[in-house]
Amino acid sequence: MGYGLEARLVLTLGLLLLVLPRSALAFCRTTTCDIANPPPECVADAVSGCFLQGIPVAWRRACVSFAVNDQGSPLLELEAREAAELASRAFARWSLAACDSGVPSIQAWDLGPMLCSRVEYFPNGPNANLIVFREQSWEHGFLTAALTTVTFLEGTGEIVDADLEVNVVDFAPSREFLEYIFTHEAGHFYGLNHSQVADSVMQPSYIAALDAPAVLGADDVAGICSIYPPGAAQGQVCDPAPVTGYDDDCGGDVHGACASSARVSRAWWTPLLLALILAAWVRRARRDRLHC
């Protein structure tokens, strides 16, 4: 499959000394305007911060996947298997949300553990949606607890890759808090941006809900049901491997049984937050960072 231009959006978790007022504002979807240097026609709403222009980004498949780096987090005494269980519960909260007529037409499967620890995407080779704990160094800013890199096609908004990094250099989250982080980042993974609704998992300030369990609010549910309406994937074959194939190692090369083809169905802690957009063009592909 030819992909053409793809853009990278990076959503991060950080610490903002901000407590949001309760609000009736609706969820925000990430769009192709959510980049470091959006064109003039992209104007963020002054109240919600949402871009109302651009193409909303989303997976175009019934099934997607993630893979946890096989090292887990020694500093947190967390094995890859345990991290995968926390992540699986986080993703399941979104795929089992109670929409008006069923559950969202998307689900994520665990393909891990994987050997690779690099954030990367290869348009013409195997890929994986990585979850990795950074314990030696963290280059995404102090007070940033986690970062999700979402790669999407600029022309269609189709998400083709998403990688999640957790900052264990500056933070040592409990299992409960880590599950909250995973739940928030899974929202970005599926195409949601930050919400100004105070009881939403996608709110940009975790300070406002420091002791909150990882439970979706009504705004979160409305968001995921809007992106993936129940029944929208009817007739699709569930194949969670990336459309360019899956590999548990780095480099985009096929390594024997480690790679599998994918059926192509066409049709983005101490506390948790977000804040910024950083970017850089790489090979005609834009890499953009949003901070959560």
C-alpha atoms as a PDB file:
ATOM      1  CA  MET A   1       0.000   0.000   0.000  1.00  0.00           C
ATOM      2  CA  GLY A   2       1.337   3.445  -0.828  1.00  0.00           C
ATOM      3  CA  TYR A   3       1.058   5.922   2.005  1.00  0.00           C
ATOM      4  CA  GLY A   4       2.546   9.157   0.687  1.00  0.00           C
ATOM      5  CA  LEU A   5       2.986  11.854   3.290  1.00  0.00           C
ATOM      6  CA  GLU A   6       2.506  10.870   6.882  1.00  0.00           C
ATOM      7  CA  ALA A   7       2.578  13.182   9.885  1.00  0.00           C
ATOM      8  CA  ARG A   8       3.663  12.466  13.412  1.00  0.00           C
ATOM      9  CA  LEU A   9       1.808  13.874  16.357  1.00  0.00           C
ATOM     10  CA  VAL A  10       3.324  13.541  19.812  1.00  0.00           C
ATOM     11  CA  LEU A  11       1.124  13.800  22.863  1.00  0.00           C
ATOM     12  CA  THR A  12       2.748  13.955  26.238  1.00  0.00           C
ATOM     13  CA  LEU A  13       1.866  13.787  29.886  1.00  0.00           C
ATOM     14  CA  GLY A  14       3.282  16.493  32.064  1.00  0.00           C
ATOM     15  CA  LEU A  15       2.702  18.387  35.268  1.00  0.00           C
ATOM     16  CA  LEU A  16       0.730  21.617  34.979  1.00  0.00           C
ATOM     17  CA  LEU A  17      -0.290  23.546  38.055  1.00  0.00           C
ATOM     18  CA  LEU A  18      -3.787  23.917  36.697  1.00  0.00           C
ATOM     19  CA  VAL A  19      -7.173  22.956  38.085  1.00  0.00           C
ATOM     20  CA  LEU A  20      -9.884  23.049  35.477  1.00  0.00           C
ATOM     21  CA  PRO A  21     -13.312  24.455  36.285  1.00  0.00           C
ATOM     22  CA  ARG A  22     -16.246  22.152  35.745  1.00  0.00           C
ATOM     23  CA  SER A  23     -17.540  22.633  32.278  1.00  0.00           C
ATOM     24  CA  ALA A  24     -20.019  21.324  29.768  1.00  0.00           C
ATOM     25  CA  LEU A  25     -17.510  21.532  26.913  1.00  0.00           C
ATOM     26  CA  ALA A  26     -17.449  18.545  24.620  1.00  0.00           C
ATOM     27  CA  PHE A  27     -14.566  16.222  23.805  1.00  0.00           C
ATOM     28  CA  CYS A  28     -11.888  17.230  21.316  1.00  0.00           C
ATOM     29  CA  ARG A  29     -10.769  15.076  18.428  1.00  0.00           C
ATOM     30  CA  THR A  30      -7.224  15.265  17.149  1.00  0.00           C
ATOM     31  CA  THR A  31      -7.207  16.540  13.573  1.00  0.00           C
ATOM     32  CA  THR A  32      -4.605  17.014  10.872  1.00  0.00           C
ATOM     33  CA  CYS A  33      -4.394  20.638  12.067  1.00  0.00           C
ATOM     34  CA  ASP A  34      -2.801  19.457  15.333  1.00  0.00           C
ATOM     35  CA  ILE A  35       0.752  19.955  14.143  1.00  0.00           C
ATOM     36  CA  ALA A  36       3.566  22.298  15.079  1.00  0.00           C
ATOM     37  CA  ASN A  37       2.976  24.761  12.241  1.00  0.00           C
ATOM     38  CA  PRO A  38      -0.647  24.451  11.128  1.00  0.00           C
ATOM     39  CA  PRO A  39      -1.736  26.347   8.013  1.00  0.00           C
ATOM     40  CA  PRO A  40      -3.582  29.692   8.409  1.00  0.00           C
ATOM     41  CA  GLU A  41      -6.990  28.094   7.970  1.00  0.00           C
ATOM     42  CA  CYS A  42      -6.424  26.036  11.133  1.00  0.00           C
ATOM     43  CA  VAL A  43      -7.699  28.139  14.041  1.00  0.00           C
ATOM     44  CA  ALA A  44      -8.055  26.648  17.524  1.00  0.00           C
ATOM     45  CA  ASP A  45     -11.278  27.380  19.386  1.00  0.00           C
ATOM     46  CA  ALA A  46     -10.565  29.993  22.073  1.00  0.00           C
ATOM     47  CA  VAL A  47     -12.508  28.136  24.776  1.00  0.00           C
ATOM     48  CA  SER A  48     -11.965  24.442  24.133  1.00  0.00           C
ATOM     49  CA  GLY A  49      -8.598  24.624  22.389  1.00  0.00           C
ATOM     50  CA  CYS A  50      -9.909  22.212  19.737  1.00  0.00           C
ATOM     51  CA  PHE A  51      -9.102  22.613  16.082  1.00  0.00           C
ATOM     52  CA  LEU A  52     -12.440  22.615  14.327  1.00  0.00           C
ATOM     53  CA  GLN A  53     -10.721  22.401  10.949  1.00  0.00           C
ATOM     54  CA  GLY A  54      -8.641  19.650   9.439  1.00  0.00           C
ATOM     55  CA  ILE A  55      -9.397  15.973   9.016  1.00  0.00           C
ATOM     56  CA  PRO A  56     -10.097  14.076  12.266  1.00  0.00           C
ATOM     57  CA  VAL A  57      -7.554  11.289  12.749  1.00  0.00           C
ATOM     58  CA  ALA A  58      -8.614   7.705  13.459  1.00  0.00           C
ATOM     59  CA  TRP A  59      -7.726   4.106  12.800  1.00  0.00           C
ATOM     60  CA  ARG A  60      -9.596   2.694   9.822  1.00  0.00           C
ATOM     61  CA  ARG A  61      -9.564  -0.869  11.114  1.00  0.00           C
ATOM     62  CA  ALA A  62     -11.659  -2.988  13.461  1.00  0.00           C
ATOM     63  CA  CYS A  63      -8.598  -4.228  15.337  1.00  0.00           C
ATOM     64  CA  VAL A  64      -5.302  -2.604  16.238  1.00  0.00           C
ATOM     65  CA  SER A  65      -2.476  -3.723  18.509  1.00  0.00           C
ATOM     66  CA  PHE A  66       0.229  -2.743  20.961  1.00  0.00           C
ATOM     67  CA  ALA A  67       3.425  -4.432  22.125  1.00  0.00           C
ATOM     68  CA  VAL A  68       5.276  -3.845  25.409  1.00  0.00           C
ATOM     69  CA  ASN A  69       9.072  -3.765  25.394  1.00  0.00           C
ATOM     70  CA  ASP A  70      10.334  -7.003  26.921  1.00  0.00           C
ATOM     71  CA  GLN A  71      12.388  -5.206  29.598  1.00  0.00           C
ATOM     72  CA  GLY A  72       9.303  -3.867  31.345  1.00  0.00           C
ATOM     73  CA  SER A  73      10.420  -1.466  34.073  1.00  0.00           C
ATOM     74  CA  PRO A  74      13.053  -2.800  36.483  1.00  0.00           C
ATOM     75  CA  LEU A  75      12.929   0.463  38.470  1.00  0.00           C
ATOM     76  CA  LEU A  76       9.214  -0.010  39.043  1.00  0.00           C
ATOM     77  CA  GLU A  77       9.715  -3.755  39.566  1.00  0.00           C
ATOM     78  CA  LEU A  78       7.224  -4.211  36.752  1.00  0.00           C
ATOM     79  CA  GLU A  79       7.592  -7.058  34.279  1.00  0.00           C
ATOM     80  CA  ALA A  80       6.533  -6.659  30.666  1.00  0.00           C
ATOM     81  CA  ARG A  81       3.709  -9.111  31.284  1.00  0.00           C
ATOM     82  CA  GLU A  82       2.350  -7.006  34.156  1.00  0.00           C
ATOM     83  CA  ALA A  83       2.616  -3.803  32.120  1.00  0.00           C
ATOM     84  CA  ALA A  84       0.757  -5.473  29.256  1.00  0.00           C
ATOM     85  CA  GLU A  85      -2.046  -6.457  31.641  1.00  0.00           C
ATOM     86  CA  LEU A  86      -2.405  -2.851  32.832  1.00  0.00           C
ATOM     87  CA  ALA A  87      -2.369  -1.594  29.248  1.00  0.00           C
ATOM     88  CA  SER A  88      -4.905  -4.208  28.164  1.00  0.00           C
ATOM     89  CA  ARG A  89      -7.321  -3.068  30.874  1.00  0.00           C
ATOM     90  CA  ALA A  90      -6.796   0.545  29.824  1.00  0.00           C
ATOM     91  CA  PHE A  91      -7.533  -0.138  26.157  1.00  0.00           C
ATOM     92  CA  ALA A  92     -10.511  -2.316  27.089  1.00  0.00           C
ATOM     93  CA  ARG A  93     -12.148   0.594  28.921  1.00  0.00           C
ATOM     94  CA  TRP A  94     -12.423   2.389  25.608  1.00  0.00           C
ATOM     95  CA  SER A  95     -13.477  -0.581  23.469  1.00  0.00           C
ATOM     96  CA  LEU A  96     -16.170  -1.570  26.017  1.00  0.00           C
ATOM     97  CA  ALA A  97     -17.585   1.932  26.504  1.00  0.00           C
ATOM     98  CA  ALA A  98     -21.373   1.994  26.581  1.00  0.00           C
ATOM     99  CA  CYS A  99     -22.517   3.761  23.422  1.00  0.00           C
ATOM    100  CA  ASP A 100     -26.213   4.247  22.713  1.00  0.00           C
ATOM    101  CA  SER A 101     -26.403   1.231  20.415  1.00  0.00           C
ATOM    102  CA  GLY A 102     -23.536  -1.001  21.534  1.00  0.00           C
ATOM    103  CA  VAL A 103     -19.788  -0.676  22.002  1.00  0.00           C
ATOM    104  CA  PRO A 104     -17.205   1.151  19.870  1.00  0.00           C
ATOM    105  CA  SER A 105     -16.142  -0.610  16.676  1.00  0.00           C
ATOM    106  CA  ILE A 106     -12.461  -0.782  17.664  1.00  0.00           C
ATOM    107  CA  GLN A 107     -10.364  -2.975  19.931  1.00  0.00           C
ATOM    108  CA  ALA A 108      -6.669  -3.352  20.731  1.00  0.00           C
ATOM    109  CA  TRP A 109      -4.751  -6.614  21.140  1.00  0.00           C
ATOM    110  CA  ASP A 110      -1.477  -7.276  22.934  1.00  0.00           C
ATOM    111  CA  LEU A 111       1.190  -8.607  20.535  1.00  0.00           C
ATOM    112  CA  GLY A 112       4.101  -8.262  22.975  1.00  0.00           C
ATOM    113  CA  PRO A 113       6.603  -8.616  24.416  1.00  0.00           C
ATOM    114  CA  MET A 114       8.882  -7.044  21.827  1.00  0.00           C
ATOM    115  CA  LEU A 115      12.630  -6.525  21.595  1.00  0.00           C
ATOM    116  CA  CYS A 116      12.607  -3.048  20.089  1.00  0.00           C
ATOM    117  CA  SER A 117      12.631   0.053  22.283  1.00  0.00           C
ATOM    118  CA  ARG A 118      12.769   2.721  19.556  1.00  0.00           C
ATOM    119  CA  VAL A 119       9.955   4.981  18.449  1.00  0.00           C
ATOM    120  CA  GLU A 120       9.864   4.535  14.693  1.00  0.00           C
ATOM    121  CA  TYR A 121       7.594   4.001  11.715  1.00  0.00           C
ATOM    122  CA  PHE A 122       8.374   2.431   8.349  1.00  0.00           C
ATOM    123  CA  PRO A 123       5.837   3.007   5.540  1.00  0.00           C
ATOM    124  CA  ASN A 124       7.099  -0.014   3.607  1.00  0.00           C
ATOM    125  CA  GLY A 125       8.159  -2.405   6.342  1.00  0.00           C
ATOM    126  CA  PRO A 126       6.978  -4.142   9.517  1.00  0.00           C
ATOM    127  CA  ASN A 127       6.013  -1.968  12.490  1.00  0.00           C
ATOM    128  CA  ALA A 128       4.707  -2.210  16.030  1.00  0.00           C
ATOM    129  CA  ASN A 129       2.773   0.112  18.330  1.00  0.00           C
ATOM    130  CA  LEU A 130       5.347   0.208  21.111  1.00  0.00           C
ATOM    131  CA  ILE A 131       4.924   0.739  24.859  1.00  0.00           C
ATOM    132  CA  VAL A 132       8.290   1.358  26.529  1.00  0.00           C
ATOM    133  CA  PHE A 133       9.560   2.621  29.901  1.00  0.00           C
ATOM    134  CA  ARG A 134      12.443   5.124  29.776  1.00  0.00           C
ATOM    135  CA  GLU A 135      14.731   4.603  32.786  1.00  0.00           C
ATOM    136  CA  GLN A 136      18.137   5.877  31.634  1.00  0.00           C
ATOM    137  CA  SER A 137      17.275   9.240  30.115  1.00  0.00           C
ATOM    138  CA  TRP A 138      14.252  11.356  29.268  1.00  0.00           C
ATOM    139  CA  GLU A 139      14.526  13.972  26.555  1.00  0.00           C
ATOM    140  CA  HIS A 140      10.958  15.220  26.429  1.00  0.00           C
ATOM    141  CA  GLY A 141      11.070  17.700  29.266  1.00  0.00           C
ATOM    142  CA  PHE A 142      11.020  17.512  33.046  1.00  0.00           C
ATOM    143  CA  LEU A 143       7.485  17.226  34.419  1.00  0.00           C
ATOM    144  CA  THR A 144       6.503  15.239  31.350  1.00  0.00           C
ATOM    145  CA  ALA A 145       5.455  11.829  32.572  1.00  0.00           C
ATOM    146  CA  ALA A 146       4.551  10.081  29.326  1.00  0.00           C
ATOM    147  CA  LEU A 147       4.524  10.710  25.612  1.00  0.00           C
ATOM    148  CA  THR A 148       2.527   9.169  22.780  1.00  0.00           C
ATOM    149  CA  THR A 149       3.662   9.529  19.172  1.00  0.00           C
ATOM    150  CA  VAL A 150       0.833   9.101  16.670  1.00  0.00           C
ATOM    151  CA  THR A 151       1.646   8.783  12.960  1.00  0.00           C
ATOM    152  CA  PHE A 152      -1.172   9.484  10.528  1.00  0.00           C
ATOM    153  CA  LEU A 153      -1.655  10.055   6.814  1.00  0.00           C
ATOM    154  CA  GLU A 154      -1.978  13.740   6.087  1.00  0.00           C
ATOM    155  CA  GLY A 155      -4.406  13.332   3.222  1.00  0.00           C
ATOM    156  CA  THR A 156      -6.908  11.091   5.002  1.00  0.00           C
ATOM    157  CA  GLY A 157      -6.212  11.329   8.751  1.00  0.00           C
ATOM    158  CA  GLU A 158      -5.770   7.546   8.959  1.00  0.00           C
ATOM    159  CA  ILE A 159      -3.635   6.556  11.956  1.00  0.00           C
ATOM    160  CA  VAL A 160      -0.984   4.041  10.940  1.00  0.00           C
ATOM    161  CA  ASP A 161       1.222   3.869  14.038  1.00  0.00           C
ATOM    162  CA  ALA A 162       1.251   4.925  17.705  1.00  0.00           C
ATOM    163  CA  ASP A 163       4.090   4.558  20.244  1.00  0.00           C
ATOM    164  CA  LEU A 164       3.928   5.280  23.982  1.00  0.00           C
ATOM    165  CA  GLU A 165       6.907   6.179  26.198  1.00  0.00           C
ATOM    166  CA  VAL A 166       6.703   6.415  30.000  1.00  0.00           C
ATOM    167  CA  ASN A 167       9.098   8.616  31.997  1.00  0.00           C
ATOM    168  CA  VAL A 168      10.523   6.555  34.864  1.00  0.00           C
ATOM    169  CA  VAL A 169      13.577   8.819  35.181  1.00  0.00           C
ATOM    170  CA  ASP A 170      11.618  11.547  36.967  1.00  0.00           C
ATOM    171  CA  PHE A 171       8.510   9.658  38.100  1.00  0.00           C
ATOM    172  CA  ALA A 172       7.703   6.416  39.890  1.00  0.00           C
ATOM    173  CA  PRO A 173       3.979   5.888  39.319  1.00  0.00           C
ATOM    174  CA  SER A 174       2.064   3.306  41.321  1.00  0.00           C
ATOM    175  CA  ARG A 175       0.294   0.491  39.482  1.00  0.00           C
ATOM    176  CA  GLU A 176      -3.005   2.369  39.895  1.00  0.00           C
ATOM    177  CA  PHE A 177      -1.622   5.609  38.568  1.00  0.00           C
ATOM    178  CA  LEU A 178       0.137   3.852  35.703  1.00  0.00           C
ATOM    179  CA  GLU A 179      -3.181   2.336  34.678  1.00  0.00           C
ATOM    180  CA  TYR A 180      -4.672   5.833  34.646  1.00  0.00           C
ATOM    181  CA  ILE A 181      -1.780   7.020  32.466  1.00  0.00           C
ATOM    182  CA  PHE A 182      -2.336   4.135  30.070  1.00  0.00           C
ATOM    183  CA  THR A 183      -6.065   4.912  29.928  1.00  0.00           C
ATOM    184  CA  HIS A 184      -5.425   8.567  29.121  1.00  0.00           C
ATOM    185  CA  GLU A 185      -2.806   7.725  26.505  1.00  0.00           C
ATOM    186  CA  ALA A 186      -5.078   5.097  24.962  1.00  0.00           C
ATOM    187  CA  GLY A 187      -7.495   7.951  24.296  1.00  0.00           C
ATOM    188  CA  HIS A 188      -4.776   9.694  22.280  1.00  0.00           C
ATOM    189  CA  PHE A 189      -3.927   6.372  20.621  1.00  0.00           C
ATOM    190  CA  TYR A 190      -7.519   6.187  19.379  1.00  0.00           C
ATOM    191  CA  GLY A 191      -7.647   9.802  18.136  1.00  0.00           C
ATOM    192  CA  LEU A 192      -8.942  11.875  21.034  1.00  0.00           C
ATOM    193  CA  ASN A 193      -7.325  15.125  22.078  1.00  0.00           C
ATOM    194  CA  HIS A 194      -7.616  16.860  25.427  1.00  0.00           C
ATOM    195  CA  SER A 195     -10.978  17.729  26.917  1.00  0.00           C
ATOM    196  CA  GLN A 196     -11.820  20.647  29.186  1.00  0.00           C
ATOM    197  CA  VAL A 197     -14.468  18.615  31.005  1.00  0.00           C
ATOM    198  CA  ALA A 198     -13.191  18.246  34.559  1.00  0.00           C
ATOM    199  CA  ASP A 199     -14.216  14.621  35.158  1.00  0.00           C
ATOM    200  CA  SER A 200     -12.913  13.410  31.815  1.00  0.00           C
ATOM    201  CA  VAL A 201      -9.957  11.030  31.626  1.00  0.00           C
ATOM    202  CA  MET A 202      -8.806  13.184  28.717  1.00  0.00           C
ATOM    203  CA  GLN A 203      -8.633  16.391  30.750  1.00  0.00           C
ATOM    204  CA  PRO A 204      -5.231  18.090  30.405  1.00  0.00           C
ATOM    205  CA  SER A 205      -4.603  18.366  34.134  1.00  0.00           C
ATOM    206  CA  TYR A 206      -4.299  15.243  36.208  1.00  0.00           C
ATOM    207  CA  ILE A 207      -3.904  17.461  39.279  1.00  0.00           C
ATOM    208  CA  ALA A 208      -7.638  18.076  39.131  1.00  0.00           C
ATOM    209  CA  ALA A 209      -8.270  14.356  39.649  1.00  0.00           C
ATOM    210  CA  LEU A 210      -5.171  13.107  41.433  1.00  0.00           C
ATOM    211  CA  ASP A 211      -7.017  10.367  43.281  1.00  0.00           C
ATOM    212  CA  ALA A 212      -9.447   9.557  40.485  1.00  0.00           C
ATOM    213  CA  PRO A 213      -9.718   5.939  39.331  1.00  0.00           C
ATOM    214  CA  ALA A 214      -9.178   5.074  35.693  1.00  0.00           C
ATOM    215  CA  VAL A 215     -12.851   5.401  34.770  1.00  0.00           C
ATOM    216  CA  LEU A 216     -14.147   7.003  31.591  1.00  0.00           C
ATOM    217  CA  GLY A 217     -16.382  10.027  32.032  1.00  0.00           C
ATOM    218  CA  ALA A 218     -19.451  10.731  29.941  1.00  0.00           C
ATOM    219  CA  ASP A 219     -17.397  13.068  27.747  1.00  0.00           C
ATOM    220  CA  ASP A 220     -14.831  10.329  27.080  1.00  0.00           C
ATOM    221  CA  VAL A 221     -17.570   7.867  26.161  1.00  0.00           C
ATOM    222  CA  ALA A 222     -19.174  10.375  23.797  1.00  0.00           C
ATOM    223  CA  GLY A 223     -15.797  10.891  22.137  1.00  0.00           C
ATOM    224  CA  ILE A 224     -14.902   7.248  21.523  1.00  0.00           C
ATOM    225  CA  CYS A 225     -18.449   6.435  20.355  1.00  0.00           C
ATOM    226  CA  SER A 226     -18.309   9.326  17.893  1.00  0.00           C
ATOM    227  CA  ILE A 227     -15.014   8.165  16.378  1.00  0.00           C
ATOM    228  CA  TYR A 228     -15.869   4.461  16.244  1.00  0.00           C
ATOM    229  CA  PRO A 229     -19.679   4.078  16.124  1.00  0.00           C
ATOM    230  CA  PRO A 230     -21.021   0.634  16.984  1.00  0.00           C
ATOM    231  CA  GLY A 231     -21.347  -1.519  13.895  1.00  0.00           C
ATOM    232  CA  ALA A 232     -19.072   0.644  11.747  1.00  0.00           C
ATOM    233  CA  ALA A 233     -16.569  -2.199  11.342  1.00  0.00           C
ATOM    234  CA  GLN A 234     -19.179  -4.803  10.471  1.00  0.00           C
ATOM    235  CA  GLY A 235     -17.810  -7.235   7.898  1.00  0.00           C
ATOM    236  CA  GLN A 236     -14.163  -6.384   8.541  1.00  0.00           C
ATOM    237  CA  VAL A 237     -11.759  -9.188   9.421  1.00  0.00           C
ATOM    238  CA  CYS A 238     -10.109  -8.664  12.796  1.00  0.00           C
ATOM    239  CA  ASP A 239      -6.368  -8.641  12.158  1.00  0.00           C
ATOM    240  CA  PRO A 240      -4.516  -6.544  14.768  1.00  0.00           C
ATOM    241  CA  ALA A 241      -1.113  -6.628  13.056  1.00  0.00           C
ATOM    242  CA  PRO A 242      -0.009  -3.352  11.414  1.00  0.00           C
ATOM    243  CA  VAL A 243      -1.025  -3.151   7.767  1.00  0.00           C
ATOM    244  CA  THR A 244       2.647  -3.222   6.715  1.00  0.00           C
ATOM    245  CA  GLY A 245       3.332  -6.300   8.867  1.00  0.00           C
ATOM    246  CA  TYR A 246       4.418  -6.847  12.455  1.00  0.00           C
ATOM    247  CA  ASP A 247       7.966  -7.290  13.728  1.00  0.00           C
ATOM    248  CA  ASP A 248       9.105  -7.524  17.353  1.00  0.00           C
ATOM    249  CA  ASP A 249      12.515  -6.048  16.513  1.00  0.00           C
ATOM    250  CA  CYS A 250      13.653  -2.618  15.317  1.00  0.00           C
ATOM    251  CA  GLY A 251      14.580  -1.500  11.846  1.00  0.00           C
ATOM    252  CA  GLY A 252      11.562  -2.237   9.685  1.00  0.00           C
ATOM    253  CA  ASP A 253      13.040  -5.504   8.406  1.00  0.00           C
ATOM    254  CA  VAL A 254      11.328  -8.864   8.282  1.00  0.00           C
ATOM    255  CA  HIS A 255      12.893 -11.378  10.657  1.00  0.00           C
ATOM    256  CA  GLY A 256      11.512 -14.793   9.857  1.00  0.00           C
ATOM    257  CA  ALA A 257       8.581 -15.777  12.046  1.00  0.00           C
ATOM    258  CA  CYS A 258       8.739 -12.459  13.880  1.00  0.00           C
ATOM    259  CA  ALA A 259       6.919 -10.730  11.041  1.00  0.00           C
ATOM    260  CA  SER A 260       3.411 -11.342   9.815  1.00  0.00           C
ATOM    261  CA  SER A 261       1.389  -9.818   7.032  1.00  0.00           C
ATOM    262  CA  ALA A 262      -1.738  -7.825   7.772  1.00  0.00           C
ATOM    263  CA  ARG A 263      -5.005  -7.720   5.911  1.00  0.00           C
ATOM    264  CA  VAL A 264      -5.700  -4.239   4.645  1.00  0.00           C
ATOM    265  CA  SER A 265      -9.182  -2.944   5.399  1.00  0.00           C
ATOM    266  CA  ARG A 266      -9.657   0.485   3.888  1.00  0.00           C
ATOM    267  CA  ALA A 267     -13.153   1.994   3.854  1.00  0.00           C
ATOM    268  CA  TRP A 268      -2.870  10.844  21.226  1.00  0.00           C
ATOM    269  CA  TRP A 269       3.518  10.538  36.383  1.00  0.00           C
ATOM    270  CA  THR A 270       3.130  12.039  39.267  1.00  0.00           C
ATOM    271  CA  PRO A 271       0.341  13.947  37.692  1.00  0.00           C
ATOM    272  CA  LEU A 272      -1.033  13.593  34.235  1.00  0.00           C
ATOM    273  CA  LEU A 273      -1.372  16.386  31.728  1.00  0.00           C
ATOM    274  CA  LEU A 274      -0.737  17.858  28.431  1.00  0.00           C
ATOM    275  CA  ALA A 275       0.517  20.999  27.037  1.00  0.00           C
ATOM    276  CA  LEU A 276       2.526  21.630  23.851  1.00  0.00           C
ATOM    277  CA  ILE A 277       3.189  20.986  20.259  1.00  0.00           C
ATOM    278  CA  LEU A 278       6.750  20.417  19.031  1.00  0.00           C
ATOM    279  CA  ALA A 279       7.706  19.390  15.566  1.00  0.00           C
ATOM    280  CA  ALA A 280      10.239  18.621  12.881  1.00  0.00           C
ATOM    281  CA  TRP A 281       9.979  17.496   9.311  1.00  0.00           C
ATOM    282  CA  VAL A 282      11.711  14.202   8.607  1.00  0.00           C
ATOM    283  CA  ARG A 283      11.925  12.986   5.048  1.00  0.00           C
ATOM    284  CA  ARG A 284       8.797  14.800   3.915  1.00  0.00           C
ATOM    285  CA  ALA A 285       7.045  13.479   7.012  1.00  0.00           C
ATOM    286  CA  ARG A 286       6.023  15.877   9.762  1.00  0.00           C
ATOM    287  CA  ARG A 287       6.717  14.867  13.357  1.00  0.00           C
ATOM    288  CA  ASP A 288       4.632  16.875  15.793  1.00  0.00           C
ATOM    289  CA  ARG A 289       4.393  16.799  19.538  1.00  0.00           C
ATOM    290  CA  LEU A 290       1.426  17.536  21.710  1.00  0.00           C
ATOM    291  CA  HIS A 291       1.750  17.562  25.449  1.00  0.00           C
ATOM    292  CA  CYS A 292      -0.754  15.848  27.693  1.00  0.00           C
END
